[in-house]
């Protein structure tokens, strides 16, 4: 396709691939297309969950999130080249989005700052483009207690599990639906044997925020946690790792243009907000107009029935190409 390839070498993850299409020099800023090559599925999944076409759908691990989106991006760029509607386009394919984009974030942000707009090829929300996403945080709450024999020296022990249970009750109270803030203690662990007063326990906490200002608010709540048993020690690490993608003027303008172009192509386009995060969170937080959910229509991302609805692939790819060509 004539793309200029830059492979950002990585040691702990797969390489991050940066592809540039269109004229090397142009009076127009490039459009940045974001995609990722990783999935949540472990190696070997294809044996039990093979790719297949059935009842108007493609099935397979990662087909929706987000192999189809990558294909759509390449098809849109190829179509524009055939129509001689070249404009600068950068396609970034990272290798570790599903674990928080720890190495590709800096590359994403660098490219976004030189781009006119960012289009994220994550799956659609139903049939809709995504104009807002919640920010994502991860906290690890660790309690260290005093171990003891549960039969012989019970009174000398100070249970980390009991203390953690109280902390979980407090943390769960951080949920604030009025602020669209959710907190979930999704993993817990601790102890060694039933006849031992536990000396260690921990929980992993997922946090979602809808406004950037709530990062300081939730951090203050975690910083304010205190043990009820003074013989126990509390250690808290983590924080917000994806800022929220707020529905702002630049994104709204992109969506309105997409809706007009969709109407010209013969279908309606709605917008939606979601609690999930993507690399679009990073670019939107920089103030770069960002539109998300521009990939495939389907269901079951991260689930055994993951699938793409075939009939939507061509019209949505046409819309993507039209947006690339038309945005100044």
Protein backbone atom coordinates (compact mmCIF):
# COMPACT_ATOMS: atom_id res chain seq x y z
CA UNK A 1 0.00 0.00 0.00
CA UNK A 2 3.03 2.28 -0.05
CA UNK A 3 3.07 2.89 3.68
CA UNK A 4 6.23 4.07 5.41
CA UNK A 5 6.81 1.71 8.32
CA UNK A 6 8.42 2.49 11.65
CA UNK A 7 8.69 -0.40 14.05
CA UNK A 8 9.05 0.80 17.64
CA UNK A 9 10.98 -2.10 19.16
CA UNK A 10 9.85 -3.43 22.53
CA UNK A 11 11.31 -5.97 24.96
CA UNK A 12 8.44 -6.79 27.31
CA UNK A 13 5.67 -6.54 24.69
CA UNK A 14 5.27 -6.88 20.94
CA UNK A 15 6.63 -4.09 18.78
CA UNK A 16 4.46 -1.00 18.27
CA UNK A 17 3.97 -0.47 14.53
CA UNK A 18 3.64 3.05 13.12
CA UNK A 19 2.46 3.28 9.49
CA UNK A 20 2.35 6.52 7.52
CA UNK A 21 0.37 6.86 4.30
CA UNK A 22 -0.16 9.66 1.81
CA UNK A 23 2.19 12.52 1.00
CA UNK A 24 5.21 12.89 3.24
CA UNK A 25 4.78 16.66 3.02
CA UNK A 26 1.38 18.28 3.07
CA UNK A 27 -0.38 21.44 4.17
CA UNK A 28 -2.89 19.26 6.03
CA UNK A 29 -2.19 17.63 9.36
CA UNK A 30 -2.50 13.84 9.34
CA UNK A 31 -5.43 11.89 10.68
CA UNK A 32 -4.32 9.43 13.36
CA UNK A 33 -6.01 6.02 13.27
CA UNK A 34 -5.62 3.97 16.46
CA UNK A 35 -5.77 0.20 16.65
CA UNK A 36 -4.26 -2.63 18.64
CA UNK A 37 -3.03 -6.11 17.71
CA UNK A 38 -3.42 -7.81 21.08
CA UNK A 39 -6.49 -9.57 22.46
CA UNK A 40 -7.43 -10.90 25.89
CA UNK A 41 -7.30 -14.46 24.56
CA UNK A 42 -4.32 -16.70 25.45
CA UNK A 43 -2.24 -18.50 22.86
CA UNK A 44 -3.96 -21.75 21.87
CA UNK A 45 -7.51 -20.37 21.93
CA UNK A 46 -7.95 -20.87 18.17
CA UNK A 47 -7.98 -24.64 18.71
CA UNK A 48 -11.10 -24.47 20.86
CA UNK A 49 -12.59 -21.31 19.36
CA UNK A 50 -11.72 -21.35 15.64
CA UNK A 51 -12.57 -18.59 13.19
CA UNK A 52 -15.83 -19.28 11.38
CA UNK A 53 -18.56 -17.60 9.34
CA UNK A 54 -22.11 -18.36 10.38
CA UNK A 55 -25.52 -16.66 10.01
CA UNK A 56 -24.10 -13.41 8.69
CA UNK A 57 -21.36 -13.14 11.31
CA UNK A 58 -17.65 -13.75 11.67
CA UNK A 59 -16.68 -15.50 14.91
CA UNK A 60 -13.29 -15.91 16.55
CA UNK A 61 -11.02 -14.66 19.34
CA UNK A 62 -10.33 -10.96 18.89
CA UNK A 63 -12.36 -10.67 15.69
CA UNK A 64 -14.42 -7.80 17.15
CA UNK A 65 -11.88 -6.38 19.61
CA UNK A 66 -10.26 -5.50 17.36
CA UNK A 67 -8.99 -7.38 14.31
CA UNK A 68 -11.90 -6.15 12.19
CA UNK A 69 -11.13 -2.53 13.10
CA UNK A 70 -7.55 -2.92 11.87
CA UNK A 71 -8.80 -4.39 8.59
CA UNK A 72 -11.28 -1.52 8.21
CA UNK A 73 -8.51 1.05 8.71
CA UNK A 74 -6.32 -0.54 6.05
CA UNK A 75 -9.27 -0.89 3.65
CA UNK A 76 -10.26 2.77 4.10
CA UNK A 77 -6.73 4.01 3.43
CA UNK A 78 -6.44 1.72 0.40
CA UNK A 79 -9.75 2.99 -0.98
CA UNK A 80 -8.67 6.63 -0.66
CA UNK A 81 -5.45 5.82 -2.48
CA UNK A 82 -7.37 4.20 -5.36
CA UNK A 83 -9.59 7.29 -5.59
CA UNK A 84 -6.49 9.52 -5.56
CA UNK A 85 -7.80 11.28 -2.47
CA UNK A 86 -4.51 10.99 -0.65
CA UNK A 87 -4.08 12.88 2.58
CA UNK A 88 -1.58 12.22 5.36
CA UNK A 89 -2.74 9.33 7.53
CA UNK A 90 -0.92 7.68 10.42
CA UNK A 91 -2.04 4.23 11.54
CA UNK A 92 -0.70 3.19 14.93
CA UNK A 93 -1.04 -0.46 15.90
CA UNK A 94 0.01 -1.16 19.46
CA UNK A 95 0.64 -4.45 21.16
CA UNK A 96 -0.54 -4.02 24.75
CA UNK A 97 -3.80 -2.05 24.84
CA UNK A 98 -5.61 -4.77 26.78
CA UNK A 99 -3.18 -4.33 29.70
CA UNK A 100 -3.31 -0.52 29.75
CA UNK A 101 -0.92 0.54 26.93
CA UNK A 102 2.10 0.89 29.27
CA UNK A 103 4.68 1.33 26.49
CA UNK A 104 2.60 2.65 23.57
CA UNK A 105 0.93 5.53 25.44
CA UNK A 106 3.87 7.89 24.94
CA UNK A 107 3.91 7.08 21.20
CA UNK A 108 0.16 7.57 20.92
CA UNK A 109 0.34 10.95 22.63
CA UNK A 110 3.27 12.09 20.49
CA UNK A 111 1.47 11.25 17.26
CA UNK A 112 -1.84 12.72 18.46
CA UNK A 113 -0.26 16.10 19.12
CA UNK A 114 0.78 16.39 15.46
CA UNK A 115 -2.61 15.24 14.12
CA UNK A 116 -5.80 17.07 13.11
CA UNK A 117 -8.01 14.40 14.67
CA UNK A 118 -7.91 10.90 16.09
CA UNK A 119 -10.18 8.05 14.95
CA UNK A 120 -10.25 4.99 17.20
CA UNK A 121 -11.13 1.69 15.52
CA UNK A 122 -12.50 0.04 18.64
CA UNK A 123 -15.89 -1.71 18.25
CA UNK A 124 -19.05 0.35 17.99
CA UNK A 125 -21.44 0.78 20.92
CA UNK A 126 -24.31 -1.08 19.30
CA UNK A 127 -24.40 0.85 16.01
CA UNK A 128 -23.17 4.11 17.55
CA UNK A 129 -19.90 5.98 17.56
CA UNK A 130 -18.51 6.72 21.01
CA UNK A 131 -18.15 10.36 22.02
CA UNK A 132 -17.33 9.79 25.69
CA UNK A 133 -15.55 7.18 27.76
CA UNK A 134 -14.95 6.87 31.47
CA UNK A 135 -11.46 7.14 32.88
CA UNK A 136 -10.02 3.94 34.33
CA UNK A 137 -8.07 3.36 37.52
CA UNK A 138 -6.58 0.38 39.31
CA UNK A 139 -5.72 0.27 43.01
CA UNK A 140 -4.13 -2.50 45.05
CA UNK A 141 -5.04 -2.45 48.73
CA UNK A 142 -2.72 -4.56 50.89
CA UNK A 143 -3.26 -5.34 54.57
CA UNK A 144 -0.51 -6.78 56.77
CA UNK A 145 -1.70 -8.28 60.02
CA UNK A 146 -0.20 -10.42 62.78
CA UNK A 147 -0.20 -14.16 62.16
CA UNK A 148 -0.97 -16.66 64.92
CA UNK A 149 -2.17 -20.22 65.51
CA UNK A 150 -5.96 -20.04 65.39
CA UNK A 151 -6.31 -22.67 68.12
CA UNK A 152 -3.38 -22.05 70.47
CA UNK A 153 -2.67 -18.30 70.18
CA UNK A 154 -5.82 -16.85 68.63
CA UNK A 155 -5.84 -13.80 70.90
CA UNK A 156 -2.30 -12.90 69.82
CA UNK A 157 -3.29 -12.72 66.15
CA UNK A 158 -4.64 -9.74 64.25
CA UNK A 159 -6.40 -10.90 61.12
CA UNK A 160 -5.49 -9.17 57.87
CA UNK A 161 -8.57 -10.75 56.31
CA UNK A 162 -10.93 -9.27 58.91
CA UNK A 163 -9.32 -5.87 58.47
CA UNK A 164 -9.51 -6.14 54.68
CA UNK A 165 -13.22 -7.03 54.90
CA UNK A 166 -13.82 -3.77 56.75
CA UNK A 167 -11.76 -1.84 54.20
CA UNK A 168 -13.77 -3.38 51.34
CA UNK A 169 -16.98 -2.20 52.98
CA UNK A 170 -15.58 1.32 53.18
CA UNK A 171 -14.18 1.28 49.63
CA UNK A 172 -17.48 0.02 48.23
CA UNK A 173 -19.08 3.07 49.79
CA UNK A 174 -17.01 5.28 47.44
CA UNK A 175 -19.49 4.51 44.64
CA UNK A 176 -21.25 7.73 43.64
CA UNK A 177 -23.83 7.35 40.89
CA UNK A 178 -24.53 11.08 40.82
CA UNK A 179 -20.89 11.60 39.75
CA UNK A 180 -20.97 8.50 37.48
CA UNK A 181 -18.16 7.11 39.64
CA UNK A 182 -17.95 3.38 40.24
CA UNK A 183 -15.59 1.36 42.41
CA UNK A 184 -15.34 -2.43 42.29
CA UNK A 185 -13.27 -4.70 44.53
CA UNK A 186 -13.00 -7.39 41.89
CA UNK A 187 -10.22 -9.61 43.25
CA UNK A 188 -9.49 -10.58 46.85
CA UNK A 189 -6.95 -12.89 48.41
CA UNK A 190 -5.18 -13.64 51.66
CA UNK A 191 -4.36 -16.10 54.34
CA UNK A 192 -2.64 -19.48 54.17
CA UNK A 193 -4.67 -22.01 56.17
CA UNK A 194 -7.98 -22.05 57.99
CA UNK A 195 -6.17 -22.69 61.29
CA UNK A 196 -3.92 -19.63 60.91
CA UNK A 197 -4.91 -16.06 61.72
CA UNK A 198 -4.09 -14.39 58.42
CA UNK A 199 -1.06 -12.12 58.32
CA UNK A 200 -1.75 -10.88 54.76
CA UNK A 201 -4.73 -10.03 52.58
CA UNK A 202 -5.27 -7.87 49.54
CA UNK A 203 -7.85 -6.67 47.04
CA UNK A 204 -7.58 -5.31 43.51
CA UNK A 205 -9.94 -2.41 42.88
CA UNK A 206 -11.28 -1.12 39.57
CA UNK A 207 -12.29 2.57 39.47
CA UNK A 208 -14.18 4.41 36.70
CA UNK A 209 -14.60 8.20 36.55
CA UNK A 210 -16.45 10.35 34.01
CA UNK A 211 -14.78 13.71 34.75
CA UNK A 212 -11.08 14.54 34.95
CA UNK A 213 -11.63 16.45 38.17
CA UNK A 214 -12.74 13.25 39.90
CA UNK A 215 -9.21 11.82 39.76
CA UNK A 216 -8.19 14.01 42.71
CA UNK A 217 -11.50 13.27 44.45
CA UNK A 218 -11.10 9.48 44.34
CA UNK A 219 -7.42 9.68 45.25
CA UNK A 220 -8.32 11.66 48.36
CA UNK A 221 -10.80 8.96 49.38
CA UNK A 222 -8.19 6.20 49.07
CA UNK A 223 -5.59 8.34 50.86
CA UNK A 224 -8.07 8.74 53.71
CA UNK A 225 -8.41 5.03 54.45
CA UNK A 226 -7.31 4.03 57.96
CA UNK A 227 -7.08 0.67 59.73
CA UNK A 228 -9.58 -0.13 62.46
CA UNK A 229 -7.08 -2.52 64.11
CA UNK A 230 -3.94 -0.55 65.00
CA UNK A 231 -1.88 -3.75 64.86
CA UNK A 232 -2.53 -4.01 61.12
CA UNK A 233 -0.78 -2.04 58.39
CA UNK A 234 -2.44 -0.68 55.26
CA UNK A 235 -0.56 -0.15 51.97
CA UNK A 236 -2.27 1.35 48.93
CA UNK A 237 -0.75 1.59 45.46
CA UNK A 238 -2.07 2.49 42.01
CA UNK A 239 -4.31 5.24 40.70
CA UNK A 240 -6.06 6.45 37.56
CA UNK A 241 -4.17 5.18 34.49
CA UNK A 242 -6.54 6.32 31.74
CA UNK A 243 -8.05 9.82 31.95
CA UNK A 244 -11.70 10.13 30.95
CA UNK A 245 -12.63 10.97 27.36
CA UNK A 246 -15.08 13.78 27.97
CA UNK A 247 -17.67 14.86 25.41
CA UNK A 248 -16.18 18.17 24.29
CA UNK A 249 -16.57 20.54 21.34
CA UNK A 250 -13.94 18.97 19.07
CA UNK A 251 -15.43 15.50 19.42
CA UNK A 252 -18.98 16.80 19.02
CA UNK A 253 -17.99 18.52 15.75
CA UNK A 254 -16.46 15.29 14.44
CA UNK A 255 -19.57 13.32 15.31
CA UNK A 256 -21.89 15.81 13.61
CA UNK A 257 -19.81 15.53 10.46
CA UNK A 258 -19.86 11.74 10.67
CA UNK A 259 -23.63 11.75 11.10
CA UNK A 260 -24.05 13.93 7.98
CA UNK A 261 -21.77 11.69 5.93
CA UNK A 262 -23.56 8.56 7.19
CA UNK A 263 -26.88 10.02 6.03
CA UNK A 264 -25.38 10.57 2.58
CA UNK A 265 -24.30 6.92 2.60
CA UNK A 266 -27.84 5.86 3.49
CA UNK A 267 -27.78 5.00 7.18
CA UNK A 268 -28.35 6.67 10.53
CA UNK A 269 -25.54 7.15 13.03
CA UNK A 270 -26.04 7.70 16.75
CA UNK A 271 -23.58 8.53 19.50
CA UNK A 272 -23.03 6.81 22.83
CA UNK A 273 -20.95 6.94 26.00
CA UNK A 274 -19.31 3.92 27.60
CA UNK A 275 -17.67 2.94 30.85
CA UNK A 276 -14.82 1.16 29.10
CA UNK A 277 -11.50 2.79 28.29
CA UNK A 278 -9.40 2.92 25.11
CA UNK A 279 -6.34 4.71 23.77
CA UNK A 280 -8.74 7.45 22.72
CA UNK A 281 -8.85 8.44 26.40
CA UNK A 282 -5.22 9.54 26.13
CA UNK A 283 -5.66 11.62 22.98
CA UNK A 284 -8.90 13.28 24.08
CA UNK A 285 -7.27 14.31 27.36
CA UNK A 286 -4.64 16.18 25.32
CA UNK A 287 -7.40 18.24 23.70
CA UNK A 288 -7.09 16.55 20.30
CA UNK A 289 -10.56 15.97 18.73
CA UNK A 290 -11.18 12.25 19.11
CA UNK A 291 -13.96 9.98 17.85
CA UNK A 292 -14.15 6.41 19.11
CA UNK A 293 -16.06 3.22 18.34
CA UNK A 294 -15.43 3.64 14.59
CA UNK A 295 -14.68 -0.05 14.12
CA UNK A 296 -16.90 -3.07 13.61
CA UNK A 297 -20.44 -3.77 14.80
CA UNK A 298 -20.81 -6.96 16.78
CA UNK A 299 -21.13 -8.49 20.23
CA UNK A 300 -19.32 -10.59 22.79
CA UNK A 301 -15.98 -8.79 23.05
CA UNK A 302 -13.80 -10.81 25.46
CA UNK A 303 -16.44 -13.59 25.48
CA UNK A 304 -16.80 -16.99 23.80
CA UNK A 305 -19.46 -15.67 21.38
CA UNK A 306 -17.28 -12.76 20.15
CA UNK A 307 -18.49 -11.90 16.66
CA UNK A 308 -18.75 -9.27 13.92
CA UNK A 309 -21.91 -8.53 11.90
CA UNK A 310 -20.73 -8.74 8.28
CA UNK A 311 -23.35 -6.46 6.69
CA UNK A 312 -22.05 -3.40 8.56
CA UNK A 313 -18.39 -3.76 7.56
CA UNK A 314 -18.57 -2.12 4.12
CA UNK A 315 -20.79 0.90 4.96
CA UNK A 316 -18.84 1.69 8.13
CA UNK A 317 -15.55 1.40 6.27
CA UNK A 318 -16.92 3.77 3.62
CA UNK A 319 -17.85 6.21 6.38
CA UNK A 320 -14.37 5.94 7.86
CA UNK A 321 -12.80 6.70 4.47
CA UNK A 322 -15.13 9.67 4.00
CA UNK A 323 -14.20 11.05 7.40
CA UNK A 324 -10.48 10.68 6.72
CA UNK A 325 -10.85 12.53 3.42
CA UNK A 326 -13.08 15.34 4.69
CA UNK A 327 -11.70 16.42 8.08
CA UNK A 328 -9.48 19.51 7.79
